[in-house]
C-alpha cells in the first residue's frame, strides 16, 4: 500500500467550505429579491382597491349628481346616507358590499371635494402614517395610472 491508508472517496473540508460559501453568496443575491414581493403585492392590491372605490364613487355620482361628502365617507357607498345631502337615486344594493381597507388593514382616507379632483382617496401605506417612503409611503388615488 506504499504507506497510504488506501484511496478514500468523499469531499475534503475545504471543498465543503467552498460549496457553503458559494451557496451563501447565491442566497444573499436571490433572497432579497423575493423578500420585497409581499410588499409589492400589498401596494398593487391597495391600488386595485382604490380603483374599485373610485369606480363605485363615479357610479354614485352618475346616479345622484354629487359625490358623498367627507363626513358621509365611503360608508355612503354601502348604505344610503341619512345625514348631509341625501341621494335620491341610491342603488338598491349600494355601490360596494363593504368599505374596503388597504392591504395593511387600515381605513382609506376619503376627502370630498378633494385637492386633486372631485375626491381624493389616500392609503397611508405600511406605516399607517402620513408621508414615508417606499412601502411605507402614501398611495394616492390621483397618482394611479
Protein backbone atom coordinates (compact mmCIF):
# COMPACT_ATOMS: atom_id res chain seq x y z
CA UNK A 1 0.00 0.00 0.00
CA UNK A 2 3.06 2.22 -0.03
CA UNK A 3 2.32 3.96 3.26
CA UNK A 4 -1.10 5.17 2.29
CA UNK A 5 -4.21 4.08 4.07
CA UNK A 6 -5.89 3.47 0.76
CA UNK A 7 -7.90 5.60 -1.59
CA UNK A 8 -10.80 7.37 0.06
CA UNK A 9 -13.76 8.87 -1.69
CA UNK A 10 -15.53 11.96 -0.42
CA UNK A 11 -15.02 15.69 -0.02
CA UNK A 12 -12.36 17.48 1.90
CA UNK A 13 -13.24 20.12 4.46
CA UNK A 14 -12.02 22.86 2.12
CA UNK A 15 -14.26 21.63 -0.71
CA UNK A 16 -17.28 21.62 1.60
CA UNK A 17 -16.47 25.13 2.83
CA UNK A 18 -16.20 26.41 -0.76
CA UNK A 19 -19.64 24.95 -1.55
CA UNK A 20 -21.15 26.52 1.60
CA UNK A 21 -19.66 29.93 0.70
CA UNK A 22 -20.99 29.70 -2.87
CA UNK A 23 -24.48 28.78 -1.58
CA UNK A 24 -24.32 31.67 0.90
CA UNK A 25 -23.41 34.15 -1.84
CA UNK A 26 -26.22 32.88 -4.09
CA UNK A 27 -28.73 33.09 -1.23
CA UNK A 28 -27.54 36.62 -0.46
CA UNK A 29 -28.22 37.66 -4.04
CA UNK A 30 -31.52 35.87 -4.59
CA UNK A 31 -33.39 36.02 -1.26
CA UNK A 32 -33.65 39.84 -1.05
CA UNK A 33 -35.40 39.90 -4.42
CA UNK A 34 -38.14 37.64 -3.05
CA UNK A 35 -38.38 39.47 0.27
CA UNK A 36 -39.83 42.56 -1.48
CA UNK A 37 -42.54 40.61 -3.31
CA UNK A 38 -45.12 40.63 -0.46
CA UNK A 39 -44.69 44.40 -0.08
CA UNK A 40 -45.05 44.95 -3.82
CA UNK A 41 -48.19 42.79 -3.78
CA UNK A 42 -49.68 44.92 -0.97
CA UNK A 43 -49.09 48.09 -2.98
CA UNK A 44 -50.73 46.61 -6.08
CA UNK A 45 -53.67 45.29 -4.04
CA UNK A 46 -54.18 48.71 -2.46
CA UNK A 47 -54.07 50.41 -5.86
CA UNK A 48 -56.69 47.99 -7.21
CA UNK A 49 -58.92 48.59 -4.19
CA UNK A 50 -58.61 52.34 -4.75
CA UNK A 51 -59.65 51.92 -8.38
CA UNK A 52 -62.68 49.86 -7.29
CA UNK A 53 -63.69 52.53 -4.76
CA UNK A 54 -63.18 55.25 -7.40
CA UNK A 55 -65.43 53.35 -9.80
CA UNK A 56 -68.11 52.99 -7.10
CA UNK A 57 -67.86 56.72 -6.35
CA UNK A 58 -68.31 57.54 -10.03
CA UNK A 59 -71.40 55.28 -10.20
CA UNK A 60 -72.77 57.05 -7.11
CA UNK A 61 -72.19 60.37 -8.88
CA UNK A 62 -73.89 59.20 -12.08
CA UNK A 63 -76.96 58.12 -10.11
CA UNK A 64 -77.15 61.11 -7.79
CA UNK A 65 -75.30 64.05 -9.36
CA UNK A 66 -72.89 64.54 -6.44
CA UNK A 67 -70.21 62.65 -4.53
CA UNK A 68 -70.59 61.67 -0.87
CA UNK A 69 -69.13 64.30 1.45
CA UNK A 70 -66.07 63.70 3.59
CA UNK A 71 -68.38 63.46 6.61
CA UNK A 72 -70.54 60.81 4.93
CA UNK A 73 -67.36 58.96 3.98
CA UNK A 74 -67.04 55.79 1.97
CA UNK A 75 -69.77 54.22 4.10
CA UNK A 76 -72.15 56.15 1.81
CA UNK A 77 -71.28 53.62 -0.88
CA UNK A 78 -72.53 50.74 1.27
CA UNK A 79 -75.71 52.20 2.77
CA UNK A 80 -77.75 55.26 1.97
CA UNK A 81 -76.60 58.29 3.96
CA UNK A 82 -79.09 59.67 6.49
CA UNK A 83 -77.35 63.00 7.08
CA UNK A 84 -76.00 65.74 4.87
CA UNK A 85 -77.12 65.69 1.27
CA UNK A 86 -79.36 62.65 0.84
CA UNK A 87 -79.08 60.81 -2.50
CA UNK A 88 -82.40 60.44 -4.33
CA UNK A 89 -81.37 57.59 -6.64
CA UNK A 90 -79.29 55.42 -4.33
CA UNK A 91 -78.72 51.94 -5.81
CA UNK A 92 -80.87 49.27 -4.15
CA UNK A 93 -77.88 47.17 -3.10
CA UNK A 94 -75.48 50.06 -2.63
CA UNK A 95 -72.30 50.54 -4.61
CA UNK A 96 -70.00 48.33 -2.53
CA UNK A 97 -70.80 45.34 -0.31
CA UNK A 98 -68.49 46.73 2.39
CA UNK A 99 -65.99 49.53 2.80
CA UNK A 100 -62.59 48.05 1.97
CA UNK A 101 -59.41 48.62 3.93
CA UNK A 102 -55.99 48.92 2.33
CA UNK A 103 -53.69 45.89 2.15
CA UNK A 104 -52.25 46.75 5.59
CA UNK A 105 -55.70 46.67 7.21
CA UNK A 106 -56.03 50.45 7.54
CA UNK A 107 -59.03 52.55 6.50
CA UNK A 108 -58.67 54.69 3.41
CA UNK A 109 -58.72 58.45 3.89
CA UNK A 110 -61.55 59.92 1.80
CA UNK A 111 -61.81 63.65 1.12
CA UNK A 112 -64.56 65.26 -0.96
CA UNK A 113 -64.21 67.68 -2.53
CA UNK A 114 -60.57 66.75 -2.97
CA UNK A 115 -57.50 68.84 -3.63
CA UNK A 116 -56.73 66.91 -6.82
CA UNK A 117 -60.21 66.34 -8.21
CA UNK A 118 -63.77 65.81 -7.06
CA UNK A 119 -62.46 63.38 -4.42
CA UNK A 120 -59.16 62.14 -3.03
CA UNK A 121 -58.55 58.65 -1.71
CA UNK A 122 -55.38 58.05 0.29
CA UNK A 123 -53.76 54.96 1.80
CA UNK A 124 -51.17 55.76 4.44
CA UNK A 125 -49.05 52.79 3.38
CA UNK A 126 -47.29 50.23 5.52
CA UNK A 127 -46.54 52.54 8.44
CA UNK A 128 -50.10 53.89 8.73
CA UNK A 129 -48.81 57.47 8.99
CA UNK A 130 -48.69 60.39 6.58
CA UNK A 131 -45.59 60.61 4.42
CA UNK A 132 -42.98 57.90 4.42
CA UNK A 133 -41.01 56.38 1.61
CA UNK A 134 -41.02 53.20 -0.42
CA UNK A 135 -43.58 50.73 1.03
CA UNK A 136 -44.30 52.99 3.99
CA UNK A 137 -45.17 55.87 1.64
CA UNK A 138 -48.68 57.10 0.96
CA UNK A 139 -50.61 55.79 -2.03
CA UNK A 140 -52.81 58.45 -3.59
CA UNK A 141 -55.75 57.97 -5.97
CA UNK A 142 -54.71 60.89 -8.16
CA UNK A 143 -51.32 59.27 -8.82
CA UNK A 144 -52.71 55.99 -10.14
CA UNK A 145 -52.05 55.28 -13.81
